[in-house]
Amino acid sequence: METKIYKCRKIVKGCGKGEAVVSNDDMCFYLTDPKTGTVIERNHAIEGKSIAGKVLVLKSGKGSSVVQVDGFYQLWVKGNLPQAIIIKTPEPVIVSSAVMVDCPMVDLIEGDPLEIFKDGDIIEVDADAGIIKVTK
């Protein structure tokens, strides 16, 4: 097993560790099943995969503030939020939604996170220290 460390920028404070789920598609958290954390959006890159307790590596967010916030909130209520989010292109709606439920979020990785990280990698995000550790 090999561990690499990457620098990143903190968007939302906190730490999280888990298995990576990588999505090349933008994501609307409203289109996840809050009971399981499973993505239910048809034809989405990670349709059928659960993000609950995982480190979500994401292109960006999509959807209005109402649906995005509600999606995050419903996952939070059911205890099925991701442990952390690594986002390639943050936008205000997804960032404010993550802030509201205190879900750690980072960006500005050294390189493209969608190419660096792969499904199944074990990723530890320390947003406060600005560090990501990945074990492959």
N, C-alpha and C. Protein backbone atom coordinates (compact mmCIF):
# COMPACT_ATOMS: atom_id res chain seq x y z
N MET A 1 0.83 -1.19 0.00
CA MET A 1 0.00 0.00 0.00
C MET A 1 0.88 1.25 0.00
N GLU A 2 0.46 2.19 -0.79
CA GLU A 2 1.19 3.45 -0.92
C GLU A 2 0.32 4.59 -0.42
N THR A 3 0.90 5.49 0.38
CA THR A 3 0.19 6.66 0.87
C THR A 3 0.83 7.91 0.29
N LYS A 4 0.00 8.78 -0.27
CA LYS A 4 0.47 10.05 -0.80
C LYS A 4 -0.26 11.17 -0.08
N ILE A 5 0.40 12.32 0.02
CA ILE A 5 -0.18 13.48 0.67
C ILE A 5 -0.29 14.61 -0.35
N TYR A 6 -1.46 15.25 -0.35
CA TYR A 6 -1.73 16.38 -1.24
C TYR A 6 -2.14 17.59 -0.41
N LYS A 7 -1.73 18.76 -0.85
CA LYS A 7 -2.19 19.99 -0.23
C LYS A 7 -3.51 20.38 -0.87
N CYS A 8 -4.34 21.06 -0.08
CA CYS A 8 -5.64 21.50 -0.58
C CYS A 8 -6.05 22.78 0.16
N ARG A 9 -7.17 23.34 -0.26
CA ARG A 9 -7.70 24.54 0.40
C ARG A 9 -8.98 24.17 1.15
N LYS A 10 -9.08 24.63 2.37
CA LYS A 10 -10.28 24.41 3.18
C LYS A 10 -11.41 25.29 2.67
N ILE A 11 -12.57 24.67 2.44
CA ILE A 11 -13.79 25.41 2.16
C ILE A 11 -14.70 25.34 3.39
N VAL A 12 -14.91 24.11 3.89
CA VAL A 12 -15.69 23.90 5.12
C VAL A 12 -14.80 23.12 6.08
N LYS A 13 -14.69 23.60 7.30
CA LYS A 13 -13.80 23.03 8.31
C LYS A 13 -14.15 21.58 8.63
N GLY A 14 -13.16 20.91 9.19
CA GLY A 14 -13.40 19.56 9.68
C GLY A 14 -12.52 18.52 9.03
N CYS A 15 -12.73 17.27 9.47
CA CYS A 15 -11.96 16.14 8.98
C CYS A 15 -12.90 14.98 8.68
N GLY A 16 -12.48 14.15 7.76
CA GLY A 16 -13.25 12.96 7.44
C GLY A 16 -12.37 11.93 6.76
N LYS A 17 -12.70 10.67 6.98
CA LYS A 17 -11.92 9.59 6.39
C LYS A 17 -12.88 8.52 5.90
N GLY A 18 -12.58 7.98 4.72
CA GLY A 18 -13.41 6.91 4.20
C GLY A 18 -12.98 6.49 2.82
N GLU A 19 -13.74 5.56 2.29
CA GLU A 19 -13.52 5.06 0.94
C GLU A 19 -13.98 6.11 -0.06
N ALA A 20 -13.22 6.27 -1.14
CA ALA A 20 -13.55 7.27 -2.16
C ALA A 20 -14.67 6.79 -3.07
N VAL A 21 -15.57 7.73 -3.39
CA VAL A 21 -16.53 7.57 -4.47
C VAL A 21 -16.31 8.77 -5.38
N VAL A 22 -15.95 8.53 -6.64
CA VAL A 22 -15.54 9.58 -7.56
C VAL A 22 -16.61 9.78 -8.63
N SER A 23 -17.03 11.04 -8.81
CA SER A 23 -18.05 11.36 -9.81
C SER A 23 -17.54 12.43 -10.78
N ASN A 24 -17.56 12.10 -12.06
CA ASN A 24 -17.23 13.08 -13.09
C ASN A 24 -18.42 13.96 -13.45
N ASP A 25 -19.58 13.69 -12.87
CA ASP A 25 -20.77 14.50 -13.11
C ASP A 25 -21.00 15.48 -11.98
N ASP A 26 -21.63 16.61 -12.30
CA ASP A 26 -22.10 17.52 -11.26
C ASP A 26 -23.19 16.80 -10.48
N MET A 27 -23.39 17.22 -9.22
CA MET A 27 -24.32 16.47 -8.37
C MET A 27 -25.32 17.37 -7.68
N CYS A 28 -26.56 16.87 -7.63
CA CYS A 28 -27.63 17.47 -6.83
C CYS A 28 -27.94 16.50 -5.70
N PHE A 29 -27.68 16.90 -4.48
CA PHE A 29 -27.86 16.01 -3.33
C PHE A 29 -29.32 15.66 -3.05
N TYR A 30 -30.22 16.42 -3.62
CA TYR A 30 -31.64 16.10 -3.51
C TYR A 30 -31.96 14.77 -4.20
N LEU A 31 -31.13 14.40 -5.18
CA LEU A 31 -31.35 13.18 -5.94
C LEU A 31 -30.55 12.01 -5.37
N THR A 32 -30.52 11.95 -4.03
CA THR A 32 -29.99 10.80 -3.30
C THR A 32 -31.09 10.32 -2.35
N ASP A 33 -31.07 9.05 -2.05
CA ASP A 33 -32.03 8.49 -1.10
C ASP A 33 -31.50 8.75 0.30
N PRO A 34 -32.18 9.59 1.08
CA PRO A 34 -31.67 9.94 2.41
C PRO A 34 -31.53 8.74 3.35
N LYS A 35 -32.33 7.69 3.13
CA LYS A 35 -32.29 6.52 4.02
C LYS A 35 -31.04 5.68 3.82
N THR A 36 -30.44 5.77 2.61
CA THR A 36 -29.29 4.92 2.30
C THR A 36 -28.07 5.71 1.82
N GLY A 37 -28.29 6.95 1.40
CA GLY A 37 -27.22 7.75 0.82
C GLY A 37 -26.93 7.36 -0.63
N THR A 38 -27.81 6.55 -1.23
CA THR A 38 -27.60 6.09 -2.60
C THR A 38 -28.05 7.13 -3.61
N VAL A 39 -27.20 7.36 -4.61
CA VAL A 39 -27.53 8.31 -5.68
C VAL A 39 -28.61 7.69 -6.55
N ILE A 40 -29.73 8.41 -6.71
CA ILE A 40 -30.87 7.89 -7.48
C ILE A 40 -31.10 8.66 -8.78
N GLU A 41 -30.24 9.63 -9.08
CA GLU A 41 -30.39 10.38 -10.33
C GLU A 41 -30.09 9.46 -11.50
N ARG A 42 -31.05 9.38 -12.42
CA ARG A 42 -30.89 8.51 -13.59
C ARG A 42 -29.73 8.97 -14.46
N ASN A 43 -28.94 8.00 -14.91
CA ASN A 43 -27.80 8.23 -15.81
C ASN A 43 -26.67 9.05 -15.19
N HIS A 44 -26.65 9.17 -13.87
CA HIS A 44 -25.55 9.87 -13.20
C HIS A 44 -24.35 8.93 -13.12
N ALA A 45 -23.16 9.49 -13.14
CA ALA A 45 -21.92 8.69 -13.11
C ALA A 45 -21.87 7.73 -11.91
N ILE A 46 -22.48 8.12 -10.79
CA ILE A 46 -22.44 7.25 -9.61
C ILE A 46 -23.85 6.79 -9.20
N GLU A 47 -24.76 6.72 -10.17
CA GLU A 47 -26.10 6.21 -9.89
C GLU A 47 -26.00 4.81 -9.28
N GLY A 48 -26.73 4.61 -8.19
CA GLY A 48 -26.74 3.31 -7.53
C GLY A 48 -25.67 3.13 -6.47
N LYS A 49 -24.74 4.09 -6.36
CA LYS A 49 -23.69 4.01 -5.33
C LYS A 49 -24.09 4.85 -4.13
N SER A 50 -23.73 4.37 -2.95
CA SER A 50 -23.98 5.12 -1.73
C SER A 50 -22.80 6.06 -1.43
N ILE A 51 -23.13 7.28 -1.03
CA ILE A 51 -22.11 8.24 -0.61
C ILE A 51 -22.03 8.33 0.90
N ALA A 52 -22.89 7.60 1.60
CA ALA A 52 -22.94 7.64 3.07
C ALA A 52 -21.63 7.15 3.66
N GLY A 53 -21.01 7.99 4.48
CA GLY A 53 -19.78 7.61 5.15
C GLY A 53 -18.56 7.54 4.25
N LYS A 54 -18.69 7.99 3.02
CA LYS A 54 -17.59 7.93 2.06
C LYS A 54 -16.95 9.31 1.92
N VAL A 55 -15.82 9.36 1.24
CA VAL A 55 -15.25 10.64 0.82
C VAL A 55 -15.65 10.81 -0.63
N LEU A 56 -16.46 11.83 -0.88
CA LEU A 56 -17.00 12.07 -2.21
C LEU A 56 -16.07 13.01 -2.97
N VAL A 57 -15.60 12.53 -4.12
CA VAL A 57 -14.77 13.35 -5.00
C VAL A 57 -15.68 13.74 -6.16
N LEU A 58 -15.87 15.04 -6.31
CA LEU A 58 -16.97 15.55 -7.12
C LEU A 58 -16.52 16.64 -8.07
N LYS A 59 -17.09 16.65 -9.26
CA LYS A 59 -16.80 17.71 -10.22
C LYS A 59 -17.34 19.04 -9.71
N SER A 60 -18.65 19.12 -9.44
CA SER A 60 -19.28 20.34 -8.95
C SER A 60 -20.69 20.02 -8.50
N GLY A 61 -21.42 21.05 -8.10
CA GLY A 61 -22.81 20.88 -7.72
C GLY A 61 -23.72 21.41 -8.80
N LYS A 62 -25.00 21.03 -8.70
CA LYS A 62 -26.01 21.57 -9.61
C LYS A 62 -27.34 21.58 -8.88
N GLY A 63 -28.20 22.44 -9.32
CA GLY A 63 -29.53 22.53 -8.71
C GLY A 63 -29.67 23.81 -7.92
N SER A 64 -30.92 24.14 -7.64
CA SER A 64 -31.21 25.36 -6.90
C SER A 64 -30.82 25.22 -5.44
N SER A 65 -30.76 26.35 -4.75
CA SER A 65 -30.39 26.31 -3.34
C SER A 65 -31.39 25.52 -2.52
N VAL A 66 -32.66 25.59 -2.85
CA VAL A 66 -33.68 24.89 -2.07
C VAL A 66 -33.49 23.39 -2.15
N VAL A 67 -33.34 22.84 -3.35
CA VAL A 67 -33.20 21.38 -3.46
C VAL A 67 -31.85 20.89 -2.95
N GLN A 68 -30.80 21.66 -3.18
CA GLN A 68 -29.48 21.25 -2.73
C GLN A 68 -29.42 21.22 -1.19
N VAL A 69 -29.90 22.29 -0.56
CA VAL A 69 -29.90 22.35 0.90
C VAL A 69 -30.78 21.24 1.47
N ASP A 70 -31.95 21.01 0.88
CA ASP A 70 -32.83 19.96 1.38
C ASP A 70 -32.18 18.59 1.24
N GLY A 71 -31.51 18.36 0.13
CA GLY A 71 -30.82 17.08 -0.05
C GLY A 71 -29.77 16.84 1.02
N PHE A 72 -28.93 17.84 1.26
CA PHE A 72 -27.91 17.74 2.33
C PHE A 72 -28.59 17.53 3.68
N TYR A 73 -29.63 18.31 3.95
CA TYR A 73 -30.31 18.24 5.25
C TYR A 73 -30.90 16.84 5.48
N GLN A 74 -31.57 16.29 4.47
CA GLN A 74 -32.18 14.96 4.61
C GLN A 74 -31.12 13.89 4.86
N LEU A 75 -30.00 13.98 4.17
CA LEU A 75 -28.89 13.04 4.41
C LEU A 75 -28.35 13.20 5.83
N TRP A 76 -28.23 14.44 6.29
CA TRP A 76 -27.73 14.73 7.63
C TRP A 76 -28.67 14.14 8.69
N VAL A 77 -29.97 14.36 8.54
CA VAL A 77 -30.97 13.85 9.50
C VAL A 77 -30.88 12.33 9.62
N LYS A 78 -30.68 11.65 8.50
CA LYS A 78 -30.62 10.18 8.49
C LYS A 78 -29.22 9.64 8.79
N GLY A 79 -28.24 10.53 9.00
CA GLY A 79 -26.88 10.09 9.30
C GLY A 79 -26.15 9.52 8.10
N ASN A 80 -26.50 9.99 6.90
CA ASN A 80 -25.92 9.42 5.69
C ASN A 80 -25.15 10.42 4.83
N LEU A 81 -24.61 11.45 5.44
CA LEU A 81 -23.75 12.39 4.72
C LEU A 81 -22.41 11.73 4.37
N PRO A 82 -21.74 12.26 3.34
CA PRO A 82 -20.36 11.84 3.13
C PRO A 82 -19.49 12.28 4.31
N GLN A 83 -18.38 11.60 4.53
CA GLN A 83 -17.43 12.01 5.57
C GLN A 83 -16.76 13.33 5.22
N ALA A 84 -16.55 13.54 3.92
CA ALA A 84 -15.94 14.77 3.42
C ALA A 84 -16.18 14.84 1.92
N ILE A 85 -16.02 16.05 1.37
CA ILE A 85 -16.17 16.25 -0.07
C ILE A 85 -14.91 16.94 -0.60
N ILE A 86 -14.36 16.37 -1.66
CA ILE A 86 -13.27 16.99 -2.41
C ILE A 86 -13.91 17.44 -3.72
N ILE A 87 -13.92 18.73 -3.97
CA ILE A 87 -14.64 19.26 -5.13
C ILE A 87 -13.69 19.96 -6.09
N LYS A 88 -13.88 19.68 -7.36
CA LYS A 88 -13.02 20.28 -8.38
C LYS A 88 -13.40 21.74 -8.62
N THR A 89 -14.70 22.01 -8.79
CA THR A 89 -15.17 23.36 -9.08
C THR A 89 -16.29 23.72 -8.12
N PRO A 90 -15.96 24.36 -6.99
CA PRO A 90 -17.02 24.72 -6.04
C PRO A 90 -17.90 25.83 -6.61
N GLU A 91 -19.17 25.78 -6.24
CA GLU A 91 -20.08 26.86 -6.57
C GLU A 91 -20.87 27.20 -5.31
N PRO A 92 -21.41 28.42 -5.23
CA PRO A 92 -21.99 28.92 -3.96
C PRO A 92 -23.07 28.04 -3.35
N VAL A 93 -23.90 27.42 -4.17
CA VAL A 93 -25.02 26.63 -3.62
C VAL A 93 -24.52 25.39 -2.89
N ILE A 94 -23.61 24.64 -3.49
CA ILE A 94 -23.12 23.43 -2.83
C ILE A 94 -22.27 23.78 -1.61
N VAL A 95 -21.51 24.86 -1.71
CA VAL A 95 -20.68 25.27 -0.57
C VAL A 95 -21.56 25.67 0.61
N SER A 96 -22.55 26.51 0.37
CA SER A 96 -23.42 26.95 1.48
C SER A 96 -24.19 25.77 2.06
N SER A 97 -24.57 24.80 1.23
CA SER A 97 -25.27 23.62 1.73
C SER A 97 -24.37 22.79 2.64
N ALA A 98 -23.12 22.62 2.24
CA ALA A 98 -22.16 21.87 3.07
C ALA A 98 -21.89 22.59 4.38
N VAL A 99 -21.83 23.92 4.34
CA VAL A 99 -21.62 24.70 5.56
C VAL A 99 -22.77 24.47 6.53
N MET A 100 -23.99 24.46 6.03
CA MET A 100 -25.17 24.32 6.90
C MET A 100 -25.19 23.01 7.67
N VAL A 101 -24.65 21.93 7.09
CA VAL A 101 -24.67 20.63 7.77
C VAL A 101 -23.29 20.24 8.28
N ASP A 102 -22.33 21.18 8.17
CA ASP A 102 -20.98 20.98 8.71
C ASP A 102 -20.28 19.78 8.07
N CYS A 103 -20.38 19.66 6.73
CA CYS A 103 -19.71 18.60 6.00
C CYS A 103 -18.38 19.12 5.48
N PRO A 104 -17.24 18.57 5.94
CA PRO A 104 -15.94 19.07 5.49
C PRO A 104 -15.84 19.07 3.96
N MET A 105 -15.28 20.17 3.43
CA MET A 105 -15.14 20.30 1.97
C MET A 105 -13.83 21.01 1.67
N VAL A 106 -13.13 20.50 0.63
CA VAL A 106 -11.87 21.11 0.20
C VAL A 106 -11.83 21.18 -1.32
N ASP A 107 -10.94 22.06 -1.81
CA ASP A 107 -10.67 22.15 -3.24
C ASP A 107 -9.22 22.55 -3.45
N LEU A 108 -8.90 22.96 -4.66
CA LEU A 108 -7.55 23.39 -5.05
C LEU A 108 -6.49 22.35 -4.71
N ILE A 109 -6.76 21.13 -5.13
CA ILE A 109 -5.80 20.04 -4.99
C ILE A 109 -4.67 20.29 -5.99
N GLU A 110 -3.51 19.75 -5.69
CA GLU A 110 -2.38 19.83 -6.63
C GLU A 110 -2.65 18.84 -7.76
N GLY A 111 -3.36 19.26 -8.78
CA GLY A 111 -3.74 18.38 -9.88
C GLY A 111 -5.25 18.23 -9.92
N ASP A 112 -5.73 17.44 -10.86
CA ASP A 112 -7.17 17.22 -11.05
C ASP A 112 -7.63 16.09 -10.12
N PRO A 113 -8.47 16.39 -9.14
CA PRO A 113 -8.90 15.34 -8.20
C PRO A 113 -9.65 14.20 -8.88
N LEU A 114 -10.28 14.48 -10.02
CA LEU A 114 -11.02 13.43 -10.72
C LEU A 114 -10.08 12.44 -11.41
N GLU A 115 -8.82 12.83 -11.58
CA GLU A 115 -7.83 11.93 -12.15
C GLU A 115 -6.93 11.31 -11.07
N ILE A 116 -6.70 12.05 -9.99
CA ILE A 116 -5.82 11.58 -8.91
C ILE A 116 -6.47 10.46 -8.10
N PHE A 117 -7.74 10.68 -7.72
CA PHE A 117 -8.42 9.75 -6.82
C PHE A 117 -9.30 8.78 -7.61
N LYS A 118 -9.37 7.55 -7.13
CA LYS A 118 -10.15 6.49 -7.78
C LYS A 118 -11.09 5.87 -6.76
N ASP A 119 -12.22 5.34 -7.25
CA ASP A 119 -13.15 4.62 -6.38
C ASP A 119 -12.37 3.58 -5.57
N GLY A 120 -12.67 3.52 -4.30
CA GLY A 120 -12.04 2.52 -3.44
C GLY A 120 -10.79 2.98 -2.73
N ASP A 121 -10.16 4.09 -3.19
CA ASP A 121 -9.03 4.64 -2.44
C ASP A 121 -9.50 4.97 -1.03
N ILE A 122 -8.63 4.85 -0.06
CA ILE A 122 -8.94 5.29 1.30
C ILE A 122 -8.36 6.70 1.44
N ILE A 123 -9.26 7.65 1.68
CA ILE A 123 -8.87 9.06 1.71
C ILE A 123 -9.16 9.65 3.08
N GLU A 124 -8.18 10.40 3.57
CA GLU A 124 -8.33 11.14 4.82
C GLU A 124 -8.20 12.62 4.51
N VAL A 125 -9.27 13.36 4.76
CA VAL A 125 -9.30 14.79 4.50
C VAL A 125 -9.18 15.54 5.82
N ASP A 126 -8.20 16.41 5.93
CA ASP A 126 -8.06 17.31 7.07
C ASP A 126 -8.14 18.73 6.52
N ALA A 127 -9.36 19.23 6.43
CA ALA A 127 -9.58 20.56 5.84
C ALA A 127 -8.87 21.64 6.65
N ASP A 128 -8.85 21.48 7.97
CA ASP A 128 -8.25 22.49 8.83
C ASP A 128 -6.75 22.63 8.58
N ALA A 129 -6.08 21.51 8.32
CA ALA A 129 -4.63 21.53 8.05
C ALA A 129 -4.33 21.70 6.56
N GLY A 130 -5.37 21.59 5.72
CA GLY A 130 -5.18 21.72 4.28
C GLY A 130 -4.43 20.55 3.68
N ILE A 131 -4.76 19.33 4.16
CA ILE A 131 -4.03 18.13 3.72
C ILE A 131 -5.03 17.00 3.40
N ILE A 132 -4.71 16.28 2.35
CA ILE A 132 -5.42 15.06 1.98
C ILE A 132 -4.39 13.92 1.93
N LYS A 133 -4.70 12.83 2.63
CA LYS A 133 -3.85 11.63 2.55
C LYS A 133 -4.67 10.56 1.83
N VAL A 134 -4.04 9.92 0.86
CA VAL A 134 -4.72 8.87 0.11
C VAL A 134 -3.87 7.61 0.12
N THR A 135 -4.53 6.48 0.39
CA THR A 135 -3.87 5.20 0.39
C THR A 135 -4.46 4.38 -0.75
N LYS A 136 -3.57 3.93 -1.63
CA LYS A 136 -3.99 3.14 -2.79
C LYS A 136 -3.52 1.71 -2.65
